[in-house]
Amino acid sequence: MLLQTQNLTMKFGGIMALKDVTLGFQPGQISAVIGPNGAGKTTFFNACCGVYAPTAGQVIFKQTPLNGKAPHQIAHMGIARTWQNLQIFPQLTLIENVMVGGEMRDHSSGFVTSMLRLPSVASKENVAKVKAKHWLDLVGLGDRAETQAGNLAFGQQRVLEIARAMATSPQLLMLDEPAAGLSSNERDALMAVIRRIRDEGITVLLVEHDMRLVMQLADYVAVLNYGELIAKGPPSEVQSNPDVIKAYLGEDE
């Protein structure tokens, strides 16, 4: 397993956000964590990324426990993530946004210094630009590399954030509600981008409300409800699980 949780539990005061969640995600797959609002999906992500310290249980990445590690330490180990709310820099160009992602991975020289093109970092900047352009090409934004990010449509800004996360050279990419607010065409384009990332050898784990997207895209699905794991397995099995139908789809058995 690339990423595992063992009896992962999160309490906020008297609220049990996650209860004894044990899951494992295989390398090279697209996996999804789904569930109704308040199921604990984003809490699960935050516990895996070090934003929250688990109340109990363990998070393990490549056989190394992550408990007690800060988010930046976990990022350097090879986990990148996006957020529900966009966190791009609208006044920077697309390629500068992605280069910020690369700088988060390798901060031996400052991004501001790099942008000033001082001789000591000129070579590094050129390499960073080549890498940034690769990720922009991969997500279909390469022809707009010098465009200000704030001028992009919302769906393109979502994809830009994914490209920036990829610039950290992750082994695991975690996407928090990547299809939120997207049109049908934008969702189709997003699915193509995620598949291309998987084909680059990057494992993808997403939290998502869009059931159709998940069932078309994911190799493996885990379902949370009120913080508890109620189903896991291939999409076809999960989709027909009576507990999932009742809890997630809101239908009677």
C-alpha atoms as a PDB file:
ATOM      1  CA  MET A   1       0.000   0.000   0.000  1.00  0.00           C
ATOM      2  CA  LEU A   2       1.152   3.522  -0.745  1.00  0.00           C
ATOM      3  CA  LEU A   3      -1.076   5.209   1.850  1.00  0.00           C
ATOM      4  CA  GLN A   4      -2.779   3.491   4.768  1.00  0.00           C
ATOM      5  CA  THR A   5      -4.877   4.530   7.727  1.00  0.00           C
ATOM      6  CA  GLN A   6      -5.272   2.277  10.735  1.00  0.00           C
ATOM      7  CA  ASN A   7      -8.215   2.927  13.072  1.00  0.00           C
ATOM      8  CA  LEU A   8      -8.015   6.633  12.197  1.00  0.00           C
ATOM      9  CA  THR A   9     -10.149   8.620  14.637  1.00  0.00           C
ATOM     10  CA  MET A  10     -10.810  12.382  14.880  1.00  0.00           C
ATOM     11  CA  LYS A  11     -12.816  14.052  17.615  1.00  0.00           C
ATOM     12  CA  PHE A  12     -13.678  17.750  17.797  1.00  0.00           C
ATOM     13  CA  GLY A  13     -15.036  18.307  21.277  1.00  0.00           C
ATOM     14  CA  GLY A  14     -17.969  15.940  21.548  1.00  0.00           C
ATOM     15  CA  ILE A  15     -18.227  15.410  17.788  1.00  0.00           C
ATOM     16  CA  MET A  16     -16.821  12.203  16.314  1.00  0.00           C
ATOM     17  CA  ALA A  17     -15.700  13.263  12.814  1.00  0.00           C
ATOM     18  CA  LEU A  18     -13.910   9.987  12.020  1.00  0.00           C
ATOM     19  CA  LYS A  19     -14.248   6.678  13.838  1.00  0.00           C
ATOM     20  CA  ASP A  20     -11.781   3.811  13.415  1.00  0.00           C
ATOM     21  CA  VAL A  21     -11.298   4.310   9.661  1.00  0.00           C
ATOM     22  CA  THR A  22      -8.951   1.658   8.268  1.00  0.00           C
ATOM     23  CA  LEU A  23      -8.159   1.993   4.572  1.00  0.00           C
ATOM     24  CA  GLY A  24      -5.350   1.261   2.129  1.00  0.00           C
ATOM     25  CA  PHE A  25      -4.679   2.823  -1.277  1.00  0.00           C
ATOM     26  CA  GLN A  26      -2.632   1.029  -3.914  1.00  0.00           C
ATOM     27  CA  PRO A  27       0.058   2.820  -5.950  1.00  0.00           C
ATOM     28  CA  GLY A  28      -0.758   3.614  -9.559  1.00  0.00           C
ATOM     29  CA  GLN A  29      -4.517   3.814  -9.041  1.00  0.00           C
ATOM     30  CA  ILE A  30      -7.176   6.503  -8.956  1.00  0.00           C
ATOM     31  CA  SER A  31      -9.046   6.135  -5.668  1.00  0.00           C
ATOM     32  CA  ALA A  32     -11.939   8.144  -4.256  1.00  0.00           C
ATOM     33  CA  VAL A  33     -13.415   8.835  -0.840  1.00  0.00           C
ATOM     34  CA  ILE A  34     -17.099   9.703  -1.112  1.00  0.00           C
ATOM     35  CA  GLY A  35     -20.064  10.263   1.169  1.00  0.00           C
ATOM     36  CA  PRO A  36     -22.832  12.745   1.987  1.00  0.00           C
ATOM     37  CA  ASN A  37     -22.190  16.188   3.462  1.00  0.00           C
ATOM     38  CA  GLY A  38     -20.656  15.914   6.914  1.00  0.00           C
ATOM     39  CA  ALA A  39     -19.439  12.363   6.312  1.00  0.00           C
ATOM     40  CA  GLY A  40     -15.849  13.237   7.280  1.00  0.00           C
ATOM     41  CA  LYS A  41     -14.242  13.255   3.832  1.00  0.00           C
ATOM     42  CA  THR A  42     -12.260  16.491   4.129  1.00  0.00           C
ATOM     43  CA  THR A  43     -11.417  15.661   7.747  1.00  0.00           C
ATOM     44  CA  PHE A  44      -9.940  12.405   6.448  1.00  0.00           C
ATOM     45  CA  PHE A  45      -7.813  14.354   3.955  1.00  0.00           C
ATOM     46  CA  ASN A  46      -6.679  16.838   6.590  1.00  0.00           C
ATOM     47  CA  ALA A  47      -5.682  14.059   8.964  1.00  0.00           C
ATOM     48  CA  CYS A  48      -3.655  12.373   6.214  1.00  0.00           C
ATOM     49  CA  CYS A  49      -1.881  15.625   5.282  1.00  0.00           C
ATOM     50  CA  GLY A  50      -0.969  16.733   8.786  1.00  0.00           C
ATOM     51  CA  VAL A  51      -3.454  19.605   8.993  1.00  0.00           C
ATOM     52  CA  TYR A  52      -5.112  17.762  11.885  1.00  0.00           C
ATOM     53  CA  ALA A  53      -3.395  15.522  14.419  1.00  0.00           C
ATOM     54  CA  PRO A  54      -5.453  12.320  14.733  1.00  0.00           C
ATOM     55  CA  THR A  55      -7.121  11.721  18.077  1.00  0.00           C
ATOM     56  CA  ALA A  56      -6.250   8.043  17.665  1.00  0.00           C
ATOM     57  CA  GLY A  57      -4.968   5.676  15.003  1.00  0.00           C
ATOM     58  CA  GLN A  58      -2.225   6.035  12.420  1.00  0.00           C
ATOM     59  CA  VAL A  59      -1.588   7.394   8.948  1.00  0.00           C
ATOM     60  CA  ILE A  60       1.201   5.553   7.102  1.00  0.00           C
ATOM     61  CA  PHE A  61       2.815   6.602   3.817  1.00  0.00           C
ATOM     62  CA  LYS A  62       5.292   4.236   2.163  1.00  0.00           C
ATOM     63  CA  GLN A  63       5.512   2.308   5.446  1.00  0.00           C
ATOM     64  CA  THR A  64       6.443   5.484   7.364  1.00  0.00           C
ATOM     65  CA  PRO A  65       4.044   6.791  10.052  1.00  0.00           C
ATOM     66  CA  LEU A  66       2.972  10.384   9.434  1.00  0.00           C
ATOM     67  CA  ASN A  67       1.595  11.082  12.907  1.00  0.00           C
ATOM     68  CA  GLY A  68       3.270  14.133  14.403  1.00  0.00           C
ATOM     69  CA  LYS A  69       4.679  15.396  11.100  1.00  0.00           C
ATOM     70  CA  ALA A  70       3.870  18.918   9.891  1.00  0.00           C
ATOM     71  CA  PRO A  71       2.148  19.482   6.520  1.00  0.00           C
ATOM     72  CA  HIS A  72       5.353  20.757   4.894  1.00  0.00           C
ATOM     73  CA  GLN A  73       7.230  17.653   6.043  1.00  0.00           C
ATOM     74  CA  ILE A  74       4.533  15.415   4.574  1.00  0.00           C
ATOM     75  CA  ALA A  75       4.660  17.376   1.319  1.00  0.00           C
ATOM     76  CA  HIS A  76       8.412  16.792   1.101  1.00  0.00           C
ATOM     77  CA  MET A  77       7.810  13.070   1.561  1.00  0.00           C
ATOM     78  CA  GLY A  78       5.804  13.035  -1.670  1.00  0.00           C
ATOM     79  CA  ILE A  79       2.182  13.978  -0.942  1.00  0.00           C
ATOM     80  CA  ALA A  80       0.601  16.971  -2.688  1.00  0.00           C
ATOM     81  CA  ARG A  81      -2.961  18.200  -2.332  1.00  0.00           C
ATOM     82  CA  THR A  82      -5.426  20.764  -3.577  1.00  0.00           C
ATOM     83  CA  TRP A  83      -8.158  22.434  -1.540  1.00  0.00           C
ATOM     84  CA  GLN A  84     -11.898  22.986  -1.894  1.00  0.00           C
ATOM     85  CA  ASN A  85     -11.297  26.735  -2.125  1.00  0.00           C
ATOM     86  CA  LEU A  86      -8.965  27.884  -4.883  1.00  0.00           C
ATOM     87  CA  GLN A  87      -5.553  29.057  -3.703  1.00  0.00           C
ATOM     88  CA  ILE A  88      -3.971  30.362  -6.884  1.00  0.00           C
ATOM     89  CA  PHE A  89      -2.143  33.691  -7.213  1.00  0.00           C
ATOM     90  CA  PRO A  90      -4.379  35.665  -9.635  1.00  0.00           C
ATOM     91  CA  GLN A  91      -1.823  38.392 -10.396  1.00  0.00           C
ATOM     92  CA  LEU A  92       0.895  35.903 -11.402  1.00  0.00           C
ATOM     93  CA  THR A  93       1.053  34.165 -14.757  1.00  0.00           C
ATOM     94  CA  LEU A  94       0.184  30.514 -15.078  1.00  0.00           C
ATOM     95  CA  ILE A  95       3.812  29.482 -15.368  1.00  0.00           C
ATOM     96  CA  GLU A  96       4.743  31.580 -12.321  1.00  0.00           C
ATOM     97  CA  ASN A  97       1.956  29.912 -10.325  1.00  0.00           C
ATOM     98  CA  VAL A  98       3.299  26.477 -11.185  1.00  0.00           C
ATOM     99  CA  MET A  99       6.859  27.558 -10.414  1.00  0.00           C
ATOM    100  CA  VAL A 100       5.667  28.521  -6.925  1.00  0.00           C
ATOM    101  CA  GLY A 101       4.665  24.881  -6.525  1.00  0.00           C
ATOM    102  CA  GLY A 102       8.128  23.767  -7.535  1.00  0.00           C
ATOM    103  CA  GLU A 103       9.676  26.229  -5.122  1.00  0.00           C
ATOM    104  CA  MET A 104       7.640  24.707  -2.291  1.00  0.00           C
ATOM    105  CA  ARG A 105       9.395  21.418  -3.049  1.00  0.00           C
ATOM    106  CA  ASP A 106      12.897  22.877  -3.428  1.00  0.00           C
ATOM    107  CA  HIS A 107      13.331  26.127  -1.529  1.00  0.00           C
ATOM    108  CA  SER A 108      17.138  26.376  -1.636  1.00  0.00           C
ATOM    109  CA  SER A 109      16.665  29.800  -3.274  1.00  0.00           C
ATOM    110  CA  GLY A 110      13.692  32.105  -2.861  1.00  0.00           C
ATOM    111  CA  PHE A 111      10.985  32.446  -5.473  1.00  0.00           C
ATOM    112  CA  VAL A 112      11.235  36.252  -5.344  1.00  0.00           C
ATOM    113  CA  THR A 113      14.978  36.054  -6.005  1.00  0.00           C
ATOM    114  CA  SER A 114      14.290  33.693  -8.871  1.00  0.00           C
ATOM    115  CA  MET A 115      11.752  36.087 -10.363  1.00  0.00           C
ATOM    116  CA  LEU A 116      14.378  38.868 -10.237  1.00  0.00           C
ATOM    117  CA  ARG A 117      16.541  36.676 -12.517  1.00  0.00           C
ATOM    118  CA  LEU A 118      19.749  37.143 -10.556  1.00  0.00           C
ATOM    119  CA  PRO A 119      22.699  35.310 -12.208  1.00  0.00           C
ATOM    120  CA  SER A 120      23.110  32.902  -9.293  1.00  0.00           C
ATOM    121  CA  VAL A 121      19.679  31.401  -9.863  1.00  0.00           C
ATOM    122  CA  ALA A 122      19.217  31.904 -13.613  1.00  0.00           C
ATOM    123  CA  SER A 123      20.016  28.308 -14.474  1.00  0.00           C
ATOM    124  CA  LYS A 124      17.692  26.964 -11.808  1.00  0.00           C
ATOM    125  CA  GLU A 125      14.914  29.238 -13.033  1.00  0.00           C
ATOM    126  CA  ASN A 126      15.267  27.898 -16.565  1.00  0.00           C
ATOM    127  CA  VAL A 127      14.956  24.324 -15.317  1.00  0.00           C
ATOM    128  CA  ALA A 128      11.950  25.291 -13.208  1.00  0.00           C
ATOM    129  CA  LYS A 129      10.271  26.878 -16.225  1.00  0.00           C
ATOM    130  CA  VAL A 130      10.768  23.767 -18.315  1.00  0.00           C
ATOM    131  CA  LYS A 131       9.215  21.619 -15.592  1.00  0.00           C
ATOM    132  CA  ALA A 132       6.358  24.069 -15.075  1.00  0.00           C
ATOM    133  CA  LYS A 133       5.635  24.119 -18.800  1.00  0.00           C
ATOM    134  CA  HIS A 134       5.501  20.315 -18.805  1.00  0.00           C
ATOM    135  CA  TRP A 135       2.748  20.295 -16.177  1.00  0.00           C
ATOM    136  CA  LEU A 136       0.845  23.085 -17.899  1.00  0.00           C
ATOM    137  CA  ASP A 137       0.994  21.087 -21.138  1.00  0.00           C
ATOM    138  CA  LEU A 138      -0.235  18.005 -19.317  1.00  0.00           C
ATOM    139  CA  VAL A 139      -3.338  19.763 -18.003  1.00  0.00           C
ATOM    140  CA  GLY A 140      -4.010  21.499 -21.327  1.00  0.00           C
ATOM    141  CA  LEU A 141      -2.942  25.029 -20.366  1.00  0.00           C
ATOM    142  CA  GLY A 142       0.485  25.147 -21.990  1.00  0.00           C
ATOM    143  CA  ASP A 143      -0.583  27.643 -24.647  1.00  0.00           C
ATOM    144  CA  ARG A 144      -1.623  30.106 -21.927  1.00  0.00           C
ATOM    145  CA  ALA A 145       1.558  29.911 -19.849  1.00  0.00           C
ATOM    146  CA  GLU A 146       2.102  33.697 -19.838  1.00  0.00           C
ATOM    147  CA  THR A 147      -1.540  34.568 -19.118  1.00  0.00           C
ATOM    148  CA  GLN A 148      -2.434  36.027 -15.732  1.00  0.00           C
ATOM    149  CA  ALA A 149      -4.129  33.346 -13.666  1.00  0.00           C
ATOM    150  CA  GLY A 150      -6.947  35.690 -12.678  1.00  0.00           C
ATOM    151  CA  ASN A 151      -8.036  35.855 -16.318  1.00  0.00           C
ATOM    152  CA  LEU A 152      -8.814  32.136 -16.520  1.00  0.00           C
ATOM    153  CA  ALA A 153     -12.288  30.657 -16.323  1.00  0.00           C
ATOM    154  CA  PHE A 154     -13.097  28.986 -13.017  1.00  0.00           C
ATOM    155  CA  GLY A 155     -12.663  25.465 -14.390  1.00  0.00           C
ATOM    156  CA  GLN A 156      -9.253  26.353 -15.820  1.00  0.00           C
ATOM    157  CA  GLN A 157      -8.203  27.797 -12.461  1.00  0.00           C
ATOM    158  CA  ARG A 158      -9.079  24.436 -10.877  1.00  0.00           C
ATOM    159  CA  VAL A 159      -6.842  22.682 -13.378  1.00  0.00           C
ATOM    160  CA  LEU A 160      -4.068  25.237 -12.826  1.00  0.00           C
ATOM    161  CA  GLU A 161      -4.100  24.403  -9.124  1.00  0.00           C
ATOM    162  CA  ILE A 162      -3.614  20.745 -10.017  1.00  0.00           C
ATOM    163  CA  ALA A 163      -0.643  21.641 -12.241  1.00  0.00           C
ATOM    164  CA  ARG A 164       0.896  23.608  -9.378  1.00  0.00           C
ATOM    165  CA  ALA A 165       0.477  20.654  -7.024  1.00  0.00           C
ATOM    166  CA  MET A 166       2.166  18.420  -9.595  1.00  0.00           C
ATOM    167  CA  ALA A 167       5.184  20.742  -9.628  1.00  0.00           C
ATOM    168  CA  THR A 168       6.079  19.441  -6.170  1.00  0.00           C
ATOM    169  CA  SER A 169       6.894  16.069  -7.811  1.00  0.00           C
ATOM    170  CA  PRO A 170       4.475  14.038  -5.677  1.00  0.00           C
ATOM    171  CA  GLN A 171       4.005  10.307  -5.601  1.00  0.00           C
ATOM    172  CA  LEU A 172       0.477  10.833  -4.280  1.00  0.00           C
ATOM    173  CA  LEU A 173      -1.826  13.638  -5.450  1.00  0.00           C
ATOM    174  CA  MET A 174      -4.823  14.330  -3.199  1.00  0.00           C
ATOM    175  CA  LEU A 175      -7.652  16.327  -4.778  1.00  0.00           C
ATOM    176  CA  ASP A 176     -10.315  17.843  -2.513  1.00  0.00           C
ATOM    177  CA  GLU A 177     -13.583  18.304  -4.456  1.00  0.00           C
ATOM    178  CA  PRO A 178     -11.836  18.990  -7.805  1.00  0.00           C
ATOM    179  CA  ALA A 179     -15.118  19.021  -9.779  1.00  0.00           C
ATOM    180  CA  ALA A 180     -16.933  21.475  -7.473  1.00  0.00           C
ATOM    181  CA  GLY A 181     -18.544  24.241  -9.517  1.00  0.00           C
ATOM    182  CA  LEU A 182     -17.548  22.801 -12.894  1.00  0.00           C
ATOM    183  CA  SER A 183     -19.786  22.460 -15.925  1.00  0.00           C
ATOM    184  CA  SER A 184     -20.351  19.079 -17.587  1.00  0.00           C
ATOM    185  CA  ASN A 185     -17.717  19.824 -20.248  1.00  0.00           C
ATOM    186  CA  GLU A 186     -15.255  21.013 -17.621  1.00  0.00           C
ATOM    187  CA  ARG A 187     -15.812  17.818 -15.603  1.00  0.00           C
ATOM    188  CA  ASP A 188     -15.074  15.713 -18.681  1.00  0.00           C
ATOM    189  CA  ALA A 189     -11.869  17.694 -19.258  1.00  0.00           C
ATOM    190  CA  LEU A 190     -10.932  17.257 -15.596  1.00  0.00           C
ATOM    191  CA  MET A 191     -11.346  13.481 -15.831  1.00  0.00           C
ATOM    192  CA  ALA A 192      -9.009  13.427 -18.831  1.00  0.00           C
ATOM    193  CA  VAL A 193      -6.419  15.431 -16.875  1.00  0.00           C
ATOM    194  CA  ILE A 194      -6.609  13.081 -13.876  1.00  0.00           C
ATOM    195  CA  ARG A 195      -6.163  10.046 -16.119  1.00  0.00           C
ATOM    196  CA  ARG A 196      -3.103  11.632 -17.741  1.00  0.00           C
ATOM    197  CA  ILE A 197      -1.624  12.266 -14.294  1.00  0.00           C
ATOM    198  CA  ARG A 198      -2.212   8.619 -13.384  1.00  0.00           C
ATOM    199  CA  ASP A 199      -0.521   7.621 -16.629  1.00  0.00           C
ATOM    200  CA  GLU A 200       2.525   9.650 -15.526  1.00  0.00           C
ATOM    201  CA  GLY A 201       2.873   7.208 -12.630  1.00  0.00           C
ATOM    202  CA  ILE A 202       1.244   9.415  -9.991  1.00  0.00           C
ATOM    203  CA  THR A 203      -1.271   7.850  -7.610  1.00  0.00           C
ATOM    204  CA  VAL A 204      -4.438   9.947  -7.257  1.00  0.00           C
ATOM    205  CA  LEU A 205      -6.797  10.097  -4.283  1.00  0.00           C
ATOM    206  CA  LEU A 206      -9.816  12.369  -4.480  1.00  0.00           C
ATOM    207  CA  VAL A 207     -12.700  13.457  -2.311  1.00  0.00           C
ATOM    208  CA  GLU A 208     -15.681  14.159  -4.529  1.00  0.00           C
ATOM    209  CA  HIS A 209     -19.447  14.666  -4.452  1.00  0.00           C
ATOM    210  CA  ASP A 210     -19.959  13.977  -8.170  1.00  0.00           C
ATOM    211  CA  MET A 211     -20.977  10.301  -8.140  1.00  0.00           C
ATOM    212  CA  ARG A 212     -20.975  10.023 -11.929  1.00  0.00           C
ATOM    213  CA  LEU A 213     -17.409  11.326 -12.143  1.00  0.00           C
ATOM    214  CA  VAL A 214     -16.243   8.963  -9.399  1.00  0.00           C
ATOM    215  CA  MET A 215     -17.840   5.883 -10.939  1.00  0.00           C
ATOM    216  CA  GLN A 216     -16.344   6.648 -14.352  1.00  0.00           C
ATOM    217  CA  LEU A 217     -12.911   7.571 -13.052  1.00  0.00           C
ATOM    218  CA  ALA A 218     -11.977   5.640  -9.919  1.00  0.00           C
ATOM    219  CA  ASP A 219     -10.435   2.182  -9.658  1.00  0.00           C
ATOM    220  CA  TYR A 220     -11.267   1.970  -5.952  1.00  0.00           C
ATOM    221  CA  VAL A 221     -13.894   3.742  -3.841  1.00  0.00           C
ATOM    222  CA  ALA A 222     -14.316   4.142  -0.076  1.00  0.00           C
ATOM    223  CA  VAL A 223     -17.554   5.471   1.395  1.00  0.00           C
ATOM    224  CA  LEU A 224     -17.839   7.365   4.678  1.00  0.00           C
ATOM    225  CA  ASN A 225     -21.051   8.149   6.532  1.00  0.00           C
ATOM    226  CA  TYR A 226     -21.057  10.079   9.815  1.00  0.00           C
ATOM    227  CA  GLY A 227     -17.319   9.454  10.085  1.00  0.00           C
ATOM    228  CA  GLU A 228     -17.545   5.686   9.703  1.00  0.00           C
ATOM    229  CA  LEU A 229     -16.429   3.538   6.797  1.00  0.00           C
ATOM    230  CA  ILE A 230     -19.513   1.796   5.393  1.00  0.00           C
ATOM    231  CA  ALA A 231     -18.177   0.374   2.110  1.00  0.00           C
ATOM    232  CA  LYS A 232     -15.017   0.002   0.056  1.00  0.00           C
ATOM    233  CA  GLY A 233     -14.050  -1.718  -3.179  1.00  0.00           C
ATOM    234  CA  PRO A 234     -14.421  -1.385  -6.958  1.00  0.00           C
ATOM    235  CA  PRO A 235     -16.976   1.219  -8.120  1.00  0.00           C
ATOM    236  CA  SER A 236     -19.407  -1.402  -9.428  1.00  0.00           C
ATOM    237  CA  GLU A 237     -19.592  -3.089  -6.016  1.00  0.00           C
ATOM    238  CA  VAL A 238     -19.851   0.148  -4.049  1.00  0.00           C
ATOM    239  CA  GLN A 239     -22.525   1.577  -6.334  1.00  0.00           C
ATOM    240  CA  SER A 240     -24.807  -1.401  -5.693  1.00  0.00           C
ATOM    241  CA  ASN A 241     -24.141  -1.627  -1.952  1.00  0.00           C
ATOM    242  CA  PRO A 242     -27.476  -1.156  -0.090  1.00  0.00           C
ATOM    243  CA  ASP A 243     -25.840   0.868   2.702  1.00  0.00           C
ATOM    244  CA  VAL A 244     -24.321   3.248   0.156  1.00  0.00           C
ATOM    245  CA  ILE A 245     -27.589   3.603  -1.720  1.00  0.00           C
ATOM    246  CA  LYS A 246     -29.397   4.440   1.497  1.00  0.00           C
ATOM    247  CA  ALA A 247     -26.796   6.758   3.013  1.00  0.00           C
ATOM    248  CA  TYR A 248     -25.236   8.462   0.001  1.00  0.00           C
ATOM    249  CA  LEU A 249     -27.884   8.386  -2.691  1.00  0.00           C
ATOM    250  CA  GLY A 250     -30.740   8.867  -0.266  1.00  0.00           C
ATOM    251  CA  GLU A 251     -32.769   5.985  -1.637  1.00  0.00           C
ATOM    252  CA  ASP A 252     -34.560   3.240   0.211  1.00  0.00           C
ATOM    253  CA  GLU A 253     -33.429  -0.346  -0.097  1.00  0.00           C
END
